[in-house]
Protein backbone atom coordinates (compact mmCIF):
# COMPACT_ATOMS: atom_id res chain seq x y z
CA MET A 1 0.04 0.11 0.18
CA SER A 2 1.14 3.67 0.79
CA THR A 3 1.86 5.76 3.52
CA ILE A 4 1.05 9.07 1.83
CA HIS A 5 -2.96 8.30 1.83
CA ASP A 6 -4.78 7.34 5.15
CA THR A 7 -6.58 4.26 5.52
CA ILE A 8 -9.72 5.12 4.30
CA VAL A 9 -12.17 2.69 2.78
CA VAL A 10 -14.12 4.25 -0.09
CA THR A 11 -17.24 2.77 -1.95
CA THR A 12 -16.59 2.38 -5.72
CA GLY A 13 -20.17 2.98 -7.01
CA LYS A 14 -20.35 -0.66 -8.19
CA ASN A 15 -22.50 -3.49 -6.78
CA ASP A 16 -21.02 -7.23 -6.45
CA ARG A 17 -22.73 -9.53 -8.56
CA ARG A 18 -23.35 -12.23 -6.00
CA THR A 19 -24.28 -10.38 -2.97
CA ASP A 20 -25.50 -6.96 -4.41
CA LEU A 21 -23.64 -4.86 -2.05
CA GLU A 22 -21.53 -1.99 -2.84
CA ILE A 23 -17.98 -2.43 -3.33
CA GLN A 24 -15.73 -0.93 -1.15
CA LYS A 25 -11.85 -0.32 -1.54
CA PRO A 26 -8.91 1.35 0.32
CA TYR A 27 -8.70 4.65 -0.93
CA THR A 28 -5.02 3.96 -2.32
CA VAL A 29 -6.28 1.55 -4.26
CA PHE A 30 -9.15 3.48 -5.75
CA LYS A 31 -6.88 6.52 -6.79
CA TYR A 32 -4.45 4.08 -8.42
CA HIS A 33 -7.03 2.32 -10.32
CA LYS A 34 -8.58 5.66 -11.55
CA LEU A 35 -5.41 7.45 -12.41
CA MET A 36 -3.63 4.25 -14.22
CA LYS A 37 -6.67 3.33 -16.28
CA GLY A 38 -5.29 5.00 -19.41
CA ILE A 39 -1.56 3.49 -19.18
CA LEU A 40 -2.89 0.07 -18.39
CA ARG A 41 -4.90 0.36 -21.42
CA ALA A 42 -1.91 1.72 -23.75
CA ASP A 43 0.29 -1.01 -22.56
CA LYS A 44 -2.56 -3.68 -23.23
CA TYR A 45 -3.00 -2.54 -27.14
CA LEU A 46 0.71 -2.29 -27.68
CA SER A 47 1.08 -5.68 -26.37
CA TYR A 48 -0.90 -6.85 -29.46
CA TYR A 49 1.39 -5.21 -31.89
CA SER A 50 4.66 -7.07 -32.03
CA VAL A 51 7.74 -4.94 -31.78
CA LEU A 52 9.52 -7.00 -34.39
CA ARG A 53 6.77 -6.05 -36.84
CA LYS A 54 7.31 -2.51 -36.22
CA THR A 55 11.17 -2.78 -36.90
CA VAL A 56 10.61 -4.88 -39.96
CA LYS A 57 8.02 -2.18 -41.28
CA TRP A 58 9.77 0.97 -41.05
CA PRO A 59 12.99 0.35 -43.02
CA ASN A 60 10.59 -0.79 -46.01
CA GLU A 61 8.45 2.31 -45.69
CA PHE A 62 11.43 4.48 -45.69
CA ALA A 63 13.18 2.76 -48.53
CA LYS A 64 9.91 3.44 -50.76
CA TRP A 65 9.92 7.14 -49.46
CA CYS A 66 13.40 7.97 -50.46
CA THR A 67 13.03 6.16 -53.90
CA LEU A 68 9.87 8.47 -54.49
CA GLN A 69 11.95 11.47 -53.47
CA CYS A 70 14.70 10.42 -55.78
CA ILE A 71 12.36 10.12 -58.64
CA PHE A 72 10.67 13.31 -58.33
CA VAL A 73 13.89 15.34 -57.96
CA TYR A 74 15.24 13.48 -61.27
CA LYS A 75 12.08 14.38 -62.94
CA THR A 76 12.11 17.96 -61.75
CA LEU A 77 15.49 18.36 -62.65
CA ASN A 78 15.26 16.94 -66.44
CA LYS A 79 12.35 18.19 -67.47
CA LYS A 80 13.90 19.05 -70.73
CA ASN A 81 14.97 15.34 -71.45
CA ASN A 82 11.28 14.27 -71.17
CA VAL A 83 12.04 11.57 -69.08
């Protein structure tokens, strides 16, 4: 737990499915879940996308971009030759 917060128990606003009683959690846990929701969700989505796929994909895209830029510059500089 944490020594920053008091040992207050708060209700989460949700009911237990079995007993239909309000769920109570320590304030520290409640605050942690509230603040970390977005970070945990981002980590979850990143885990689905392999880092290996990311590292394999970007060199190909960069090579395509460089090739297109070279073609554009070549055609721009050699307009008189009708290439």
